[in-house]
Amino acid sequence: MSNTASPDPEMLKKLLEPLLEDFTYWFDRAQKLLSSQQLDFLTETHQAKLLERLDHALKEVNVAIALFRVTGHQVGVDMATMRPWHELLVECQAIGMRYYRNQAI
């Protein structure tokens, strides 16, 4: 018999909901930039693949949000699932910073 306690829905809501919303916000922002601008420091192929990865990650995050809500905030998201989202977010933020820094010159 497992001694694992059930997750506290309110704690999960306070911790996980803002995190999932952040992923959505930053992925959406990166998607808008990459779909509206051809970045001179990325090849067209790299930019297209990055947009595909963003689209896929946004779909995954939206599914996680839907499951989180439909279960009444009773389920979390495995760290192995979130790790690629975090890596993509960091990659997109670096690209965004480089883009906006180049615009300031």
N, C-alpha and C. Protein backbone atom coordinates (compact mmCIF):
# COMPACT_ATOMS: atom_id res chain seq x y z
N MET A 1 0.84 -1.17 0.00
CA MET A 1 0.00 0.00 0.00
C MET A 1 0.89 1.24 0.00
N SER A 2 0.55 2.18 -0.82
CA SER A 2 1.34 3.40 -0.96
C SER A 2 0.94 4.42 0.09
N ASN A 3 1.91 5.14 0.57
CA ASN A 3 1.67 6.19 1.54
C ASN A 3 1.58 7.56 0.88
N THR A 4 1.49 7.57 -0.44
CA THR A 4 1.45 8.82 -1.19
C THR A 4 0.13 9.53 -0.96
N ALA A 5 0.23 10.79 -0.56
CA ALA A 5 -0.98 11.59 -0.33
C ALA A 5 -1.51 12.10 -1.66
N SER A 6 -2.80 12.29 -1.71
CA SER A 6 -3.41 12.87 -2.90
C SER A 6 -2.99 14.32 -3.01
N PRO A 7 -2.80 14.80 -4.24
CA PRO A 7 -2.41 16.20 -4.39
C PRO A 7 -3.51 17.13 -3.92
N ASP A 8 -3.11 18.22 -3.32
CA ASP A 8 -4.04 19.24 -2.87
C ASP A 8 -4.45 20.08 -4.08
N PRO A 9 -5.72 20.02 -4.50
CA PRO A 9 -6.15 20.74 -5.69
C PRO A 9 -5.86 22.24 -5.64
N GLU A 10 -6.01 22.85 -4.47
CA GLU A 10 -5.75 24.30 -4.37
C GLU A 10 -4.27 24.61 -4.55
N MET A 11 -3.42 23.77 -3.99
CA MET A 11 -1.99 23.99 -4.15
C MET A 11 -1.59 23.78 -5.61
N LEU A 12 -2.11 22.72 -6.22
CA LEU A 12 -1.83 22.48 -7.64
C LEU A 12 -2.29 23.66 -8.48
N LYS A 13 -3.46 24.18 -8.16
CA LYS A 13 -3.99 25.31 -8.92
C LYS A 13 -3.08 26.53 -8.78
N LYS A 14 -2.62 26.80 -7.57
CA LYS A 14 -1.76 27.96 -7.33
C LYS A 14 -0.40 27.82 -8.01
N LEU A 15 0.11 26.61 -8.09
CA LEU A 15 1.44 26.39 -8.66
C LEU A 15 1.41 26.10 -10.16
N LEU A 16 0.55 25.19 -10.55
CA LEU A 16 0.57 24.70 -11.93
C LEU A 16 -0.15 25.61 -12.91
N GLU A 17 -1.27 26.17 -12.49
CA GLU A 17 -2.04 27.01 -13.41
C GLU A 17 -1.22 28.20 -13.95
N PRO A 18 -0.53 28.97 -13.09
CA PRO A 18 0.27 30.08 -13.63
C PRO A 18 1.42 29.60 -14.52
N LEU A 19 1.99 28.45 -14.18
CA LEU A 19 3.08 27.91 -15.00
C LEU A 19 2.59 27.56 -16.40
N LEU A 20 1.44 26.90 -16.47
CA LEU A 20 0.87 26.55 -17.78
C LEU A 20 0.48 27.80 -18.56
N GLU A 21 -0.04 28.79 -17.86
CA GLU A 21 -0.39 30.05 -18.52
C GLU A 21 0.85 30.75 -19.05
N ASP A 22 1.96 30.68 -18.31
CA ASP A 22 3.22 31.27 -18.78
C ASP A 22 3.71 30.57 -20.06
N PHE A 23 3.64 29.25 -20.07
CA PHE A 23 4.03 28.53 -21.29
C PHE A 23 3.19 29.00 -22.47
N THR A 24 1.89 29.09 -22.26
CA THR A 24 1.00 29.53 -23.33
C THR A 24 1.36 30.94 -23.80
N TYR A 25 1.55 31.84 -22.87
CA TYR A 25 1.87 33.23 -23.21
C TYR A 25 3.16 33.31 -24.02
N TRP A 26 4.23 32.70 -23.53
CA TRP A 26 5.53 32.83 -24.20
C TRP A 26 5.57 32.08 -25.52
N PHE A 27 4.92 30.92 -25.59
CA PHE A 27 4.88 30.20 -26.87
C PHE A 27 4.09 30.99 -27.90
N ASP A 28 2.98 31.57 -27.48
CA ASP A 28 2.16 32.37 -28.40
C ASP A 28 2.93 33.58 -28.89
N ARG A 29 3.62 34.24 -27.98
CA ARG A 29 4.42 35.41 -28.35
C ARG A 29 5.52 35.04 -29.35
N ALA A 30 6.22 33.95 -29.09
CA ALA A 30 7.29 33.50 -30.00
C ALA A 30 6.71 33.09 -31.35
N GLN A 31 5.56 32.44 -31.32
CA GLN A 31 4.91 32.01 -32.55
C GLN A 31 4.53 33.22 -33.41
N LYS A 32 4.03 34.26 -32.79
CA LYS A 32 3.67 35.48 -33.53
C LYS A 32 4.90 36.13 -34.16
N LEU A 33 5.99 36.20 -33.41
CA LEU A 33 7.21 36.80 -33.94
C LEU A 33 7.74 35.98 -35.12
N LEU A 34 7.84 34.68 -34.93
CA LEU A 34 8.43 33.82 -35.96
C LEU A 34 7.55 33.70 -37.20
N SER A 35 6.25 33.88 -37.05
CA SER A 35 5.36 33.77 -38.22
C SER A 35 5.22 35.11 -38.95
N SER A 36 5.64 36.20 -38.30
CA SER A 36 5.47 37.51 -38.94
C SER A 36 6.79 38.10 -39.45
N GLN A 37 7.91 37.58 -39.01
CA GLN A 37 9.22 38.12 -39.38
C GLN A 37 10.13 37.00 -39.87
N GLN A 38 10.89 37.26 -40.92
CA GLN A 38 11.96 36.33 -41.28
C GLN A 38 13.21 36.84 -40.56
N LEU A 39 13.68 36.09 -39.60
CA LEU A 39 14.82 36.50 -38.80
C LEU A 39 16.11 36.20 -39.57
N ASP A 40 16.92 37.23 -39.74
CA ASP A 40 18.12 37.08 -40.58
C ASP A 40 19.17 36.17 -39.96
N PHE A 41 19.08 35.88 -38.66
CA PHE A 41 20.06 35.01 -38.01
C PHE A 41 19.58 33.56 -37.91
N LEU A 42 18.41 33.27 -38.50
CA LEU A 42 17.91 31.89 -38.59
C LEU A 42 17.69 31.54 -40.05
N THR A 43 18.00 30.31 -40.40
CA THR A 43 17.66 29.88 -41.75
C THR A 43 16.16 29.71 -41.85
N GLU A 44 15.64 29.75 -43.04
CA GLU A 44 14.19 29.55 -43.21
C GLU A 44 13.78 28.19 -42.68
N THR A 45 14.61 27.19 -42.91
CA THR A 45 14.30 25.83 -42.44
C THR A 45 14.26 25.77 -40.92
N HIS A 46 15.26 26.38 -40.28
CA HIS A 46 15.29 26.38 -38.82
C HIS A 46 14.08 27.11 -38.25
N GLN A 47 13.74 28.24 -38.85
CA GLN A 47 12.59 29.01 -38.37
C GLN A 47 11.30 28.23 -38.57
N ALA A 48 11.16 27.56 -39.70
CA ALA A 48 9.95 26.76 -39.96
C ALA A 48 9.85 25.60 -38.97
N LYS A 49 10.97 24.94 -38.69
CA LYS A 49 10.95 23.82 -37.73
C LYS A 49 10.65 24.32 -36.32
N LEU A 50 11.16 25.49 -36.00
CA LEU A 50 10.88 26.06 -34.69
C LEU A 50 9.39 26.38 -34.56
N LEU A 51 8.80 26.91 -35.61
CA LEU A 51 7.35 27.17 -35.61
C LEU A 51 6.56 25.88 -35.45
N GLU A 52 7.00 24.81 -36.09
CA GLU A 52 6.32 23.51 -35.94
C GLU A 52 6.41 23.03 -34.50
N ARG A 53 7.60 23.16 -33.90
CA ARG A 53 7.77 22.74 -32.51
C ARG A 53 6.90 23.57 -31.57
N LEU A 54 6.80 24.87 -31.85
CA LEU A 54 5.94 25.73 -31.04
C LEU A 54 4.48 25.33 -31.15
N ASP A 55 4.04 25.04 -32.38
CA ASP A 55 2.66 24.62 -32.59
C ASP A 55 2.37 23.34 -31.82
N HIS A 56 3.29 22.40 -31.90
CA HIS A 56 3.13 21.13 -31.19
C HIS A 56 3.10 21.34 -29.67
N ALA A 57 4.03 22.15 -29.17
CA ALA A 57 4.10 22.41 -27.73
C ALA A 57 2.84 23.13 -27.24
N LEU A 58 2.36 24.09 -28.02
CA LEU A 58 1.12 24.80 -27.63
C LEU A 58 -0.05 23.84 -27.54
N LYS A 59 -0.13 22.91 -28.47
CA LYS A 59 -1.21 21.92 -28.42
C LYS A 59 -1.08 21.06 -27.17
N GLU A 60 0.14 20.64 -26.84
CA GLU A 60 0.35 19.83 -25.64
C GLU A 60 -0.03 20.60 -24.38
N VAL A 61 0.40 21.85 -24.30
CA VAL A 61 0.08 22.67 -23.13
C VAL A 61 -1.43 22.87 -23.02
N ASN A 62 -2.10 23.11 -24.14
CA ASN A 62 -3.55 23.29 -24.11
C ASN A 62 -4.27 22.03 -23.65
N VAL A 63 -3.76 20.87 -24.04
CA VAL A 63 -4.34 19.61 -23.57
C VAL A 63 -4.12 19.47 -22.06
N ALA A 64 -2.92 19.81 -21.60
CA ALA A 64 -2.64 19.73 -20.17
C ALA A 64 -3.56 20.67 -19.39
N ILE A 65 -3.78 21.88 -19.90
CA ILE A 65 -4.68 22.83 -19.24
C ILE A 65 -6.10 22.28 -19.20
N ALA A 66 -6.55 21.72 -20.31
CA ALA A 66 -7.91 21.17 -20.36
C ALA A 66 -8.07 20.02 -19.37
N LEU A 67 -7.09 19.12 -19.31
CA LEU A 67 -7.17 18.00 -18.37
C LEU A 67 -7.11 18.49 -16.92
N PHE A 68 -6.27 19.47 -16.69
CA PHE A 68 -6.14 20.05 -15.36
C PHE A 68 -7.47 20.63 -14.90
N ARG A 69 -8.13 21.33 -15.79
CA ARG A 69 -9.42 21.96 -15.43
C ARG A 69 -10.55 20.94 -15.31
N VAL A 70 -10.60 20.01 -16.25
CA VAL A 70 -11.70 19.04 -16.25
C VAL A 70 -11.64 18.11 -15.04
N THR A 71 -10.44 17.91 -14.48
CA THR A 71 -10.31 17.05 -13.31
C THR A 71 -10.44 17.84 -12.01
N GLY A 72 -10.81 19.11 -12.12
CA GLY A 72 -10.95 19.92 -10.92
C GLY A 72 -9.62 20.18 -10.22
N HIS A 73 -8.56 20.32 -11.02
CA HIS A 73 -7.22 20.62 -10.51
C HIS A 73 -6.66 19.48 -9.66
N GLN A 74 -7.04 18.25 -10.02
CA GLN A 74 -6.63 17.07 -9.25
C GLN A 74 -5.40 16.39 -9.83
N VAL A 75 -4.97 16.78 -11.03
CA VAL A 75 -3.83 16.12 -11.65
C VAL A 75 -2.74 17.14 -11.97
N GLY A 76 -1.51 16.67 -11.91
CA GLY A 76 -0.38 17.52 -12.27
C GLY A 76 0.14 17.15 -13.64
N VAL A 77 1.29 17.69 -13.96
CA VAL A 77 1.97 17.39 -15.22
C VAL A 77 3.35 16.88 -14.86
N ASP A 78 3.71 15.74 -15.42
CA ASP A 78 5.00 15.12 -15.16
C ASP A 78 6.14 16.04 -15.60
N MET A 79 7.20 16.07 -14.82
CA MET A 79 8.35 16.90 -15.16
C MET A 79 8.97 16.49 -16.50
N ALA A 80 8.91 15.22 -16.83
CA ALA A 80 9.45 14.75 -18.11
C ALA A 80 8.66 15.34 -19.28
N THR A 81 7.40 15.64 -19.05
CA THR A 81 6.57 16.27 -20.07
C THR A 81 6.90 17.75 -20.19
N MET A 82 7.15 18.39 -19.05
CA MET A 82 7.41 19.84 -19.05
C MET A 82 8.83 20.21 -19.47
N ARG A 83 9.76 19.31 -19.31
CA ARG A 83 11.16 19.63 -19.61
C ARG A 83 11.34 20.12 -21.05
N PRO A 84 10.80 19.43 -22.07
CA PRO A 84 10.94 19.95 -23.43
C PRO A 84 10.27 21.30 -23.64
N TRP A 85 9.17 21.55 -22.92
CA TRP A 85 8.51 22.85 -23.02
C TRP A 85 9.43 23.93 -22.47
N HIS A 86 10.05 23.64 -21.35
CA HIS A 86 10.96 24.62 -20.74
C HIS A 86 12.15 24.89 -21.66
N GLU A 87 12.71 23.84 -22.23
CA GLU A 87 13.85 24.01 -23.14
C GLU A 87 13.46 24.84 -24.36
N LEU A 88 12.28 24.60 -24.90
CA LEU A 88 11.78 25.37 -26.04
C LEU A 88 11.55 26.82 -25.64
N LEU A 89 11.01 27.04 -24.46
CA LEU A 89 10.76 28.39 -23.98
C LEU A 89 12.07 29.16 -23.86
N VAL A 90 13.10 28.54 -23.30
CA VAL A 90 14.40 29.19 -23.15
C VAL A 90 14.99 29.51 -24.53
N GLU A 91 14.88 28.57 -25.46
CA GLU A 91 15.37 28.78 -26.82
C GLU A 91 14.65 29.96 -27.48
N CYS A 92 13.34 30.01 -27.34
CA CYS A 92 12.56 31.09 -27.95
C CYS A 92 12.84 32.44 -27.30
N GLN A 93 13.04 32.44 -26.00
CA GLN A 93 13.37 33.70 -25.33
C GLN A 93 14.72 34.23 -25.80
N ALA A 94 15.69 33.34 -26.00
CA ALA A 94 17.00 33.77 -26.49
C ALA A 94 16.88 34.35 -27.90
N ILE A 95 16.07 33.72 -28.74
CA ILE A 95 15.85 34.22 -30.10
C ILE A 95 15.15 35.57 -30.05
N GLY A 96 14.15 35.69 -29.20
CA GLY A 96 13.45 36.96 -29.07
C GLY A 96 14.36 38.08 -28.57
N MET A 97 15.19 37.78 -27.59
CA MET A 97 16.12 38.79 -27.09
C MET A 97 17.09 39.22 -28.19
N ARG A 98 17.57 38.25 -28.95
CA ARG A 98 18.50 38.58 -30.04
C ARG A 98 17.80 39.44 -31.10
N TYR A 99 16.58 39.08 -31.43
CA TYR A 99 15.81 39.85 -32.42
C TYR A 99 15.62 41.29 -31.95
N TYR A 100 15.13 41.47 -30.72
CA TYR A 100 14.85 42.82 -30.22
C TYR A 100 16.12 43.62 -29.99
N ARG A 101 17.21 42.95 -29.61
CA ARG A 101 18.49 43.65 -29.48
C ARG A 101 18.96 44.15 -30.83
N ASN A 102 18.79 43.34 -31.89
CA ASN A 102 19.16 43.75 -33.25
C ASN A 102 18.30 44.91 -33.73
N GLN A 103 17.05 44.96 -33.31
CA GLN A 103 16.16 46.04 -33.71
C GLN A 103 16.57 47.37 -33.09
N ALA A 104 17.20 47.32 -31.93
CA ALA A 104 17.61 48.52 -31.22
C ALA A 104 18.86 49.16 -31.82
N ILE A 105 19.56 48.42 -32.63
CA ILE A 105 20.82 48.92 -33.23
C ILE A 105 20.54 49.83 -34.40
